[in-house]
Amino acid sequence: MLEAIRESHAWHYARNSAYRATVSARGVGSSLLPLQLPRLLRTSAITFKGYIEQLGTPFPQDQPQRALAWLAGQLSFELPLERTALLRPRYSTLEGLLAAIEALYSDLGLEIVTSSGTSGRFAILVRNKMTVEVATDAYFTAIAHAWNIGPQHDMVFVMPAHTRVAMARIAHLGTRELGWAADSSVAYTMPFKADPDTIRVRTGRTFRPGLRGLWERRVLHPFMLWAYEALAEDKFVKMTVQALEQSAVAGHPVMLLGGLVQLDAVGQHVLVCGGMELPAGSRIATGGGIKELYPRTPDQIRADLRRAIHGPGGAALPMTDIYGMAEANWAAFQCPEGNYHLPPWVYMAVMDDDDCPLQGSDVTGLLAFWDPLGGGDVYPPFFQSADRVRLVNGNGYFDAALVCSCGDSTPYLVRNTIQRVDLIEEAGCGAIS
């Protein structure tokens, strides 16, 4: 693993100007010593929001050419900047700019994804065909291993079919690229737009300056909140229930995956209707935590979901969670013991307040990871998150007595120990409330 990290570092160091500038300032050259591993880490939630500081605005659509120059500096392959002359001087939306960049470099197969954007300030990340394949393989291999989910399952995603939010985008690309939909039913039940601009205005935390911002704050934001409650929520709940009923009639086990808030709406509706039985092998999965003010706790939501949706004979369905972040091309899936198992191909550690890795098999600090595979030829995925966690059997340590009771010997994050330690917009996105 360490040798793979050294090779990945040397490759990206030679090609990625932003990464090279950061680690060179810390005294790291192209050849990496083991003690220098912590110096490779960049802060995950800030790295791909660096355009905000460089441009002086969270709205890169106002400065397309400078925004594209910033983006090119984050990449480890050449992005021909002479094409920037073909961009418009301004775009009315961030979605318009990102779509234009993808079209401009369609020959490179770029996929631009974002963080969930609940702050209105998006991390902007580039993936290509290779890294999309890595991500989909990682996610769906882990689902099969951890949860025994496979093509025999119907998949019901309480999320939009088309969005740039990384987790939802990978779900869509994964079911398509792996041919999942050919053998099972795949439903996306969020009927409304989830482009960056709609998400930004709806969350109500970042608005455009001037009169447009006043319009967004006074008119669009209240209207979106009203439309969600009065129209969209009822529609996605009905679409989700209909998809589950179809799976039940067909006798197909189903994986229902969504955010806690959206699943709560589904659960409350099903409870009023008397409950629902799904075939054996079905599962409920959650992701993303609660990122907005909400009157009910995750425990309350999960308890009602268990009452509302069950297996044959009233048996409780497995209900587990996913931890991840947009900057990572992997996710950690919760086991029956409630712990989050980390992929064995990623080197994990936790850092103390002095940015040094904590030693030992059971330690608590800020999660850091070095992924020699996930970034492919696009960017070096060596990041320190803003999530404080309790990590067991990571950082090269292994204590057989601490192996998870589920039997999986991989490193894991202990249940109920993932906590934000920074502002909500600067933290990881999954499994946190």
Protein backbone atom coordinates (compact mmCIF):
# COMPACT_ATOMS: atom_id res chain seq x y z
CA MET A 1 0.00 0.00 0.00
CA LEU A 2 2.78 2.46 0.93
CA GLU A 3 4.63 1.68 -2.29
CA ALA A 4 1.46 2.32 -4.28
CA ILE A 5 1.03 5.67 -2.51
CA ARG A 6 4.65 6.60 -3.32
CA GLU A 7 4.10 5.77 -7.00
CA SER A 8 0.85 7.71 -7.11
CA HIS A 9 2.47 10.70 -5.41
CA ALA A 10 5.39 10.79 -7.86
CA TRP A 11 3.04 10.59 -10.85
CA HIS A 12 0.75 13.40 -9.67
CA TYR A 13 3.63 15.53 -8.35
CA ALA A 14 5.06 15.72 -11.87
CA ARG A 15 1.74 16.69 -13.46
CA ASN A 16 -0.53 18.48 -10.97
CA SER A 17 0.50 22.08 -10.33
CA ALA A 18 -1.84 22.74 -7.38
CA TYR A 19 -0.77 19.55 -5.60
CA ARG A 20 2.92 20.14 -6.33
CA ALA A 21 2.76 23.70 -4.98
CA THR A 22 1.09 22.52 -1.76
CA VAL A 23 3.41 19.64 -0.93
CA SER A 24 6.58 21.41 -2.14
CA ALA A 25 5.88 24.17 0.35
CA ARG A 26 5.95 21.45 3.01
CA GLY A 27 9.35 20.19 1.89
CA VAL A 28 8.16 17.19 -0.13
CA GLY A 29 9.73 16.42 -3.51
CA SER A 30 8.94 13.80 -6.09
CA SER A 31 10.47 11.05 -3.93
CA LEU A 32 8.42 10.38 -0.82
CA LEU A 33 9.69 9.18 2.54
CA PRO A 34 7.27 7.25 4.80
CA LEU A 35 7.43 9.92 7.50
CA GLN A 36 6.26 12.48 4.94
CA LEU A 37 2.86 10.86 4.39
CA PRO A 38 1.01 13.45 6.51
CA ARG A 39 2.48 16.25 4.38
CA LEU A 40 0.59 14.99 1.35
CA LEU A 41 -2.79 15.63 2.93
CA ARG A 42 -4.98 18.44 1.72
CA THR A 43 -8.24 19.43 3.40
CA SER A 44 -10.94 17.61 1.47
CA ALA A 45 -13.73 20.15 1.80
CA ILE A 46 -11.54 23.14 0.89
CA THR A 47 -9.35 21.85 -1.96
CA PHE A 48 -12.09 21.75 -4.56
CA LYS A 49 -13.66 24.98 -3.32
CA GLY A 50 -10.39 26.85 -3.93
CA TYR A 51 -11.95 28.76 -6.81
CA ILE A 52 -13.88 30.84 -4.26
CA GLU A 53 -10.70 32.37 -2.84
CA GLN A 54 -9.01 32.69 -6.24
CA LEU A 55 -11.97 34.30 -7.99
CA GLY A 56 -13.23 36.21 -4.96
CA THR A 57 -16.74 34.79 -5.43
CA PRO A 58 -18.62 31.51 -4.98
CA PHE A 59 -20.06 32.03 -8.47
CA PRO A 60 -17.50 30.82 -11.04
CA GLN A 61 -20.09 31.24 -13.81
CA ASP A 62 -19.31 34.97 -13.64
CA GLN A 63 -15.66 34.35 -14.62
CA PRO A 64 -15.66 31.26 -16.88
CA GLN A 65 -12.13 31.54 -18.25
CA ARG A 66 -10.50 32.15 -14.85
CA ALA A 67 -12.62 29.38 -13.34
CA LEU A 68 -11.50 26.95 -16.02
CA ALA A 69 -7.86 27.94 -15.48
CA TRP A 70 -8.31 27.16 -11.76
CA LEU A 71 -9.89 23.82 -12.60
CA ALA A 72 -7.08 22.89 -14.99
CA GLY A 73 -4.57 23.51 -12.19
CA GLN A 74 -6.29 20.90 -10.03
CA LEU A 75 -5.91 18.17 -12.65
CA SER A 76 -3.06 15.80 -13.36
CA PHE A 77 -3.67 15.66 -17.10
CA GLU A 78 -3.47 18.41 -19.67
CA LEU A 79 -6.63 20.42 -20.24
CA PRO A 80 -6.07 22.42 -23.45
CA LEU A 81 -6.74 25.97 -22.27
CA GLU A 82 -6.75 27.46 -25.77
CA ARG A 83 -10.33 26.21 -25.98
CA THR A 84 -11.39 28.67 -23.27
CA ALA A 85 -11.89 31.26 -26.00
CA LEU A 86 -15.00 29.30 -26.98
CA LEU A 87 -16.64 29.92 -23.62
CA ARG A 88 -19.09 32.75 -23.12
CA PRO A 89 -17.97 35.77 -21.07
CA ARG A 90 -20.58 34.81 -18.43
CA TYR A 91 -23.12 32.11 -17.74
CA SER A 92 -26.37 32.68 -15.92
CA THR A 93 -25.98 29.51 -13.87
CA LEU A 94 -23.26 27.22 -12.52
CA GLU A 95 -24.95 24.31 -14.27
CA GLY A 96 -24.64 26.18 -17.55
CA LEU A 97 -20.90 26.66 -17.05
CA LEU A 98 -20.21 23.06 -15.99
CA ALA A 99 -22.22 21.68 -18.92
CA ALA A 100 -20.31 23.97 -21.28
CA ILE A 101 -16.96 22.72 -19.94
CA GLU A 102 -18.04 19.09 -20.36
CA ALA A 103 -19.11 19.84 -23.95
CA LEU A 104 -15.88 21.74 -24.66
CA TYR A 105 -13.83 18.72 -23.60
CA SER A 106 -16.20 15.99 -24.68
CA ASP A 107 -13.29 14.18 -26.35
CA LEU A 108 -11.74 13.72 -22.89
CA GLY A 109 -14.88 12.18 -21.41
CA LEU A 110 -15.09 14.55 -18.44
CA GLU A 111 -17.75 14.06 -15.75
CA ILE A 112 -18.00 17.08 -13.44
CA VAL A 113 -19.58 16.34 -10.06
CA THR A 114 -20.14 18.47 -7.00
CA SER A 115 -20.53 18.13 -3.28
CA SER A 116 -24.05 18.21 -1.90
CA GLY A 117 -23.89 21.98 -1.75
CA THR A 118 -26.00 22.57 1.33
CA SER A 119 -23.91 25.69 2.02
CA GLY A 120 -24.46 26.93 -1.53
CA ARG A 121 -20.69 26.76 -2.02
CA PHE A 122 -19.92 23.68 -4.04
CA ALA A 123 -16.81 21.57 -4.23
CA ILE A 124 -16.25 21.04 -7.96
CA LEU A 125 -14.55 17.79 -8.94
CA VAL A 126 -13.64 16.25 -12.28
CA ARG A 127 -13.82 12.57 -13.08
CA ASN A 128 -13.13 10.77 -16.32
CA LYS A 129 -14.14 7.37 -17.67
CA MET A 130 -11.42 5.57 -15.72
CA THR A 131 -12.22 7.13 -12.34
CA VAL A 132 -15.97 6.69 -12.89
CA GLU A 133 -15.32 3.00 -13.43
CA VAL A 134 -13.20 2.85 -10.28
CA ALA A 135 -15.93 4.56 -8.25
CA THR A 136 -18.76 2.41 -9.55
CA ASP A 137 -16.75 -0.77 -9.04
CA ALA A 138 -15.84 0.34 -5.51
CA TYR A 139 -19.39 1.26 -4.52
CA PHE A 140 -21.17 -1.73 -5.98
CA THR A 141 -18.52 -4.27 -4.96
CA ALA A 142 -18.81 -2.95 -1.40
CA ILE A 143 -22.62 -3.12 -1.49
CA ALA A 144 -22.45 -6.74 -2.62
CA HIS A 145 -19.85 -7.62 0.03
CA ALA A 146 -21.32 -5.74 2.97
CA TRP A 147 -25.03 -6.08 2.29
CA ASN A 148 -25.37 -8.98 -0.16
CA ILE A 149 -27.06 -6.68 -2.66
CA GLY A 150 -26.85 -7.77 -6.28
CA PRO A 151 -28.67 -7.78 -9.63
CA GLN A 152 -31.41 -9.91 -8.05
CA HIS A 153 -32.52 -6.80 -6.16
CA ASP A 154 -34.72 -4.00 -7.34
CA MET A 155 -33.19 -0.63 -6.54
CA VAL A 156 -35.31 2.31 -5.39
CA PHE A 157 -33.29 5.50 -5.02
CA VAL A 158 -35.11 8.41 -3.36
CA MET A 159 -32.99 10.84 -5.35
CA PRO A 160 -33.09 12.51 -8.77
CA ALA A 161 -32.09 10.49 -11.81
CA HIS A 162 -29.95 13.35 -13.07
CA THR A 163 -27.84 15.51 -10.77
CA ARG A 164 -24.22 16.50 -10.23
CA VAL A 165 -24.21 15.56 -6.53
CA ALA A 166 -21.48 12.93 -6.37
CA MET A 167 -23.26 10.14 -4.49
CA ALA A 168 -26.42 10.29 -6.61
CA ARG A 169 -24.39 10.63 -9.82
CA ILE A 170 -22.39 7.50 -9.01
CA ALA A 171 -25.60 5.59 -8.23
CA HIS A 172 -26.98 6.52 -11.64
CA LEU A 173 -23.74 5.85 -13.51
CA GLY A 174 -23.15 2.61 -11.61
CA THR A 175 -26.50 1.03 -12.42
CA ARG A 176 -26.00 2.05 -16.03
CA GLU A 177 -22.34 1.09 -16.47
CA LEU A 178 -22.62 -2.24 -14.64
CA GLY A 179 -25.73 -3.24 -16.56
CA TRP A 180 -27.76 -3.43 -13.34
CA ALA A 181 -30.91 -2.10 -14.92
CA ALA A 182 -30.90 -4.90 -17.47
CA ASP A 183 -31.61 -7.49 -14.79
CA SER A 184 -33.68 -5.59 -12.26
CA SER A 185 -35.89 -2.60 -11.75
CA VAL A 186 -34.12 0.65 -10.95
CA ALA A 187 -36.26 3.62 -9.95
CA TYR A 188 -35.28 7.21 -9.14
CA THR A 189 -38.20 8.82 -7.38
CA MET A 190 -37.20 12.46 -6.91
CA PRO A 191 -39.10 14.23 -9.71
CA PHE A 192 -37.65 17.72 -9.37
CA LYS A 193 -34.48 19.40 -10.63
CA ALA A 194 -31.31 18.96 -8.59
CA ASP A 195 -28.89 21.14 -10.52
CA PRO A 196 -26.43 23.20 -8.43
CA ASP A 197 -28.35 26.45 -8.78
CA THR A 198 -31.66 24.96 -7.64
CA ILE A 199 -29.95 23.31 -4.66
CA ARG A 200 -28.21 26.57 -3.73
CA VAL A 201 -31.36 28.70 -3.74
CA ARG A 202 -33.50 26.08 -2.01
CA THR A 203 -31.06 25.65 0.88
CA GLY A 204 -31.15 29.40 1.40
CA ARG A 205 -27.60 29.96 2.64
CA THR A 206 -25.86 31.63 -0.33
CA PHE A 207 -27.52 34.08 -2.71
CA ARG A 208 -26.31 36.05 -5.71
CA PRO A 209 -25.38 39.69 -5.05
CA GLY A 210 -27.54 42.62 -6.03
CA LEU A 211 -31.08 42.55 -7.30
CA ARG A 212 -30.83 38.97 -8.47
CA GLY A 213 -29.86 37.89 -4.98
CA LEU A 214 -32.75 39.84 -3.53
CA TRP A 215 -35.08 38.03 -5.96
CA GLU A 216 -33.60 34.68 -4.96
CA ARG A 217 -33.91 35.44 -1.23
CA ARG A 218 -37.35 37.04 -1.20
CA VAL A 219 -39.14 35.14 -3.96
CA LEU A 220 -37.41 32.00 -5.25
CA HIS A 221 -36.29 30.57 -1.90
CA PRO A 222 -39.73 30.84 -0.21
CA PHE A 223 -41.41 29.54 -3.36
CA MET A 224 -39.10 26.51 -3.53
CA LEU A 225 -39.78 25.66 0.11
CA TRP A 226 -43.50 25.93 -0.48
CA ALA A 227 -43.34 23.90 -3.70
CA TYR A 228 -41.33 21.16 -2.00
CA GLU A 229 -43.83 20.79 0.84
CA ALA A 230 -46.98 21.31 -1.21
CA LEU A 231 -46.11 19.52 -4.44
CA ALA A 232 -42.78 17.71 -4.68
CA GLU A 233 -42.87 15.82 -1.38
CA ASP A 234 -46.25 14.31 -2.10
CA LYS A 235 -45.10 13.33 -5.59
CA PHE A 236 -41.83 11.65 -4.61
CA VAL A 237 -43.52 9.84 -1.72
CA LYS A 238 -46.16 8.41 -4.05
CA MET A 239 -43.55 7.46 -6.66
CA THR A 240 -41.44 5.71 -4.00
CA VAL A 241 -44.39 3.80 -2.56
CA GLN A 242 -45.51 2.78 -6.04
CA ALA A 243 -42.02 1.45 -6.88
CA LEU A 244 -41.90 -0.53 -3.61
CA GLU A 245 -45.36 -1.97 -4.22
CA GLN A 246 -44.34 -3.11 -7.69
CA SER A 247 -41.32 -4.91 -6.25
CA ALA A 248 -43.48 -6.53 -3.57
CA VAL A 249 -46.02 -7.77 -6.13
CA ALA A 250 -43.22 -9.16 -8.31
CA GLY A 251 -41.62 -10.83 -5.28
CA HIS A 252 -38.30 -9.07 -5.86
CA PRO A 253 -36.16 -8.10 -2.86
CA VAL A 254 -35.51 -4.38 -2.93
CA MET A 255 -32.93 -1.95 -1.63
CA LEU A 256 -34.51 1.39 -0.71
CA LEU A 257 -31.85 4.11 -0.48
CA GLY A 258 -32.32 7.77 0.39
CA GLY A 259 -31.65 10.59 2.79
CA LEU A 260 -33.17 10.41 6.26
CA VAL A 261 -35.48 13.39 5.72
CA GLN A 262 -36.86 11.98 2.46
CA LEU A 263 -37.23 8.48 3.89
CA ASP A 264 -39.06 9.94 6.88
CA ALA A 265 -41.70 11.37 4.55
CA VAL A 266 -42.08 7.95 2.92
CA GLY A 267 -42.26 6.19 6.30
CA GLN A 268 -44.90 8.53 7.70
CA HIS A 269 -47.07 8.03 4.62
CA VAL A 270 -46.76 4.24 4.79
CA LEU A 271 -47.56 4.26 8.52
CA VAL A 272 -50.81 6.14 7.90
CA CYS A 273 -51.68 3.58 5.22
CA GLY A 274 -51.17 0.66 7.60
CA GLY A 275 -47.61 -0.41 6.80
CA MET A 276 -45.93 -2.30 3.97
CA GLU A 277 -44.36 -5.74 3.63
CA LEU A 278 -41.37 -6.25 1.33
CA PRO A 279 -39.95 -9.60 0.17
CA ALA A 280 -37.21 -11.36 2.12
CA GLY A 281 -33.75 -10.00 1.39
CA SER A 282 -34.95 -6.39 1.21
CA ARG A 283 -33.07 -3.59 2.95
CA ILE A 284 -33.35 0.10 3.80
CA ALA A 285 -30.20 2.18 3.39
CA THR A 286 -29.57 5.79 4.35
CA GLY A 287 -26.92 8.28 3.33
CA GLY A 288 -26.04 11.92 3.71
CA GLY A 289 -27.16 12.51 7.29
CA ILE A 290 -29.42 15.45 8.13
CA LYS A 291 -28.05 18.71 6.79
CA GLU A 292 -30.89 21.04 7.56
CA LEU A 293 -33.00 22.03 10.51
CA TYR A 294 -35.40 19.16 11.06
CA PRO A 295 -37.72 18.51 14.01
CA ARG A 296 -37.04 14.75 14.26
CA THR A 297 -33.85 12.93 15.19
CA PRO A 298 -32.26 10.14 13.12
CA ASP A 299 -33.23 7.61 15.80
CA GLN A 300 -36.88 8.70 15.65
CA ILE A 301 -36.87 8.48 11.86
CA ARG A 302 -35.34 5.00 11.85
CA ALA A 303 -37.75 3.75 14.51
CA ASP A 304 -40.77 4.84 12.48
CA LEU A 305 -39.30 3.39 9.29
CA ARG A 306 -38.96 0.01 11.02
CA ARG A 307 -42.61 0.18 12.04
CA ALA A 308 -43.72 1.26 8.58
CA ILE A 309 -41.76 -1.09 6.29
CA HIS A 310 -41.00 -4.67 7.28
CA GLY A 311 -40.26 -8.09 5.88
CA PRO A 312 -42.41 -11.22 5.72
CA GLY A 313 -44.31 -11.92 8.91
CA GLY A 314 -43.46 -8.51 10.32
CA ALA A 315 -39.73 -9.27 10.47
CA ALA A 316 -37.54 -6.19 10.81
CA LEU A 317 -35.63 -5.22 7.68
CA PRO A 318 -31.91 -4.47 7.91
CA MET A 319 -31.40 -0.72 8.08
CA THR A 320 -27.88 0.51 7.54
CA ASP A 321 -26.03 3.66 6.56
CA ILE A 322 -23.33 4.83 4.16
CA TYR A 323 -20.44 7.16 5.01
CA GLY A 324 -18.60 9.02 2.29
CA MET A 325 -17.64 12.36 0.83
CA ALA A 326 -17.61 13.83 -2.66
CA GLU A 327 -13.81 14.01 -2.75
CA ALA A 328 -13.45 10.26 -2.16
CA ASN A 329 -13.97 7.59 -4.80
CA TRP A 330 -15.07 5.11 -2.13
CA ALA A 331 -17.69 4.74 0.57
CA ALA A 332 -17.87 2.94 3.93
CA PHE A 333 -20.90 0.71 4.48
CA GLN A 334 -22.39 -0.01 7.88
CA CYS A 335 -22.31 -3.63 9.03
CA PRO A 336 -24.92 -5.36 11.26
CA GLU A 337 -22.95 -4.18 14.31
CA GLY A 338 -23.38 -0.58 13.19
CA ASN A 339 -19.71 0.00 12.37
CA TYR A 340 -18.57 1.53 9.07
CA HIS A 341 -16.09 -0.73 7.28
CA LEU A 342 -13.45 1.00 5.19
CA PRO A 343 -12.22 -0.34 1.85
CA PRO A 344 -9.02 -2.37 2.13
CA TRP A 345 -7.42 -0.62 -0.87
CA VAL A 346 -7.35 2.78 0.90
CA TYR A 347 -4.83 3.65 3.63
CA MET A 348 -6.63 5.18 6.62
CA ALA A 349 -5.43 7.05 9.70
CA VAL A 350 -6.66 9.67 12.12
CA MET A 351 -4.75 12.85 12.89
CA ASP A 352 -4.24 14.71 16.17
CA ASP A 353 -4.55 18.47 16.61
CA ASP A 354 -0.95 18.89 15.43
CA ASP A 355 -1.68 17.06 12.15
CA CYS A 356 0.28 13.97 13.18
CA PRO A 357 -1.09 10.44 12.72
CA LEU A 358 -2.22 8.87 15.98
CA GLN A 359 -0.53 5.58 16.78
CA GLY A 360 -2.46 2.49 17.84
CA SER A 361 -5.26 0.14 16.91
CA ASP A 362 -8.07 2.15 18.53
CA VAL A 363 -7.69 5.91 18.17
CA THR A 364 -9.89 9.00 17.82
CA GLY A 365 -9.09 12.05 15.70
CA LEU A 366 -9.67 13.64 12.30
CA LEU A 367 -10.05 11.04 9.56
CA ALA A 368 -7.38 11.09 6.85
CA PHE A 369 -6.97 8.83 3.85
CA TRP A 370 -4.50 8.09 1.08
CA ASP A 371 -6.12 6.39 -1.92
CA PRO A 372 -3.54 5.32 -4.52
CA LEU A 373 -6.21 4.10 -6.95
CA GLY A 374 -9.31 6.28 -6.76
CA GLY A 375 -7.89 9.42 -8.36
CA GLY A 376 -6.60 7.65 -11.43
CA ASP A 377 -4.87 10.18 -13.68
CA VAL A 378 -7.18 13.02 -12.60
CA TYR A 379 -6.06 14.13 -9.11
CA PRO A 380 -4.18 12.72 -6.07
CA PRO A 381 -6.79 11.68 -3.48
CA PHE A 382 -4.80 12.20 -0.30
CA PHE A 383 -7.09 14.12 2.03
CA GLN A 384 -7.74 15.06 5.63
CA SER A 385 -11.43 15.37 6.34
CA ALA A 386 -13.18 17.59 8.86
CA ASP A 387 -14.78 14.55 10.51
CA ARG A 388 -13.70 13.37 13.95
CA VAL A 389 -13.99 9.60 14.16
CA ARG A 390 -12.91 6.60 16.19
CA LEU A 391 -10.84 4.37 13.90
CA VAL A 392 -10.06 0.73 14.71
CA ASN A 393 -7.25 -1.24 13.05
CA GLY A 394 -6.18 1.56 10.74
CA ASN A 395 -2.81 3.25 10.05
CA GLY A 396 -1.04 -0.08 9.64
CA TYR A 397 -2.04 -1.37 13.07
CA PHE A 398 -3.99 -4.56 13.58
CA ASP A 399 -5.24 -6.11 16.79
CA ALA A 400 -7.11 -9.36 16.27
CA ALA A 401 -8.99 -8.80 19.52
CA LEU A 402 -10.52 -5.62 18.01
CA VAL A 403 -11.83 -7.19 14.79
CA CYS A 404 -15.47 -6.24 14.37
CA SER A 405 -17.98 -8.74 15.73
CA CYS A 406 -19.53 -9.01 12.26
CA GLY A 407 -16.44 -10.97 11.19
CA ASP A 408 -15.11 -8.49 8.61
CA SER A 409 -11.43 -7.86 9.39
CA THR A 410 -11.12 -4.53 7.55
CA PRO A 411 -10.50 -1.25 9.43
CA TYR A 412 -13.69 0.41 10.60
CA LEU A 413 -15.19 3.55 12.11
CA VAL A 414 -17.00 2.79 15.34
CA ARG A 415 -20.75 3.41 15.24
CA ASN A 416 -22.00 6.75 16.57
CA THR A 417 -18.51 8.28 16.66
CA ILE A 418 -18.55 10.32 13.43
CA GLN A 419 -18.81 14.00 14.31
CA ARG A 420 -18.36 17.25 12.47
CA VAL A 421 -15.72 19.49 13.99
CA ASP A 422 -16.07 22.39 11.58
CA LEU A 423 -18.79 24.43 9.93
CA ILE A 424 -21.43 22.34 8.21
CA GLU A 425 -20.27 23.50 4.78
CA GLU A 426 -16.70 22.43 5.44
CA ALA A 427 -17.43 18.90 6.68
CA GLY A 428 -17.82 15.51 5.11
CA CYS A 429 -21.25 14.67 3.85
CA GLY A 430 -22.27 11.19 4.85
CA ALA A 431 -23.56 9.57 8.01
CA ILE A 432 -23.46 12.74 10.04
CA SER A 433 -26.34 14.59 11.65
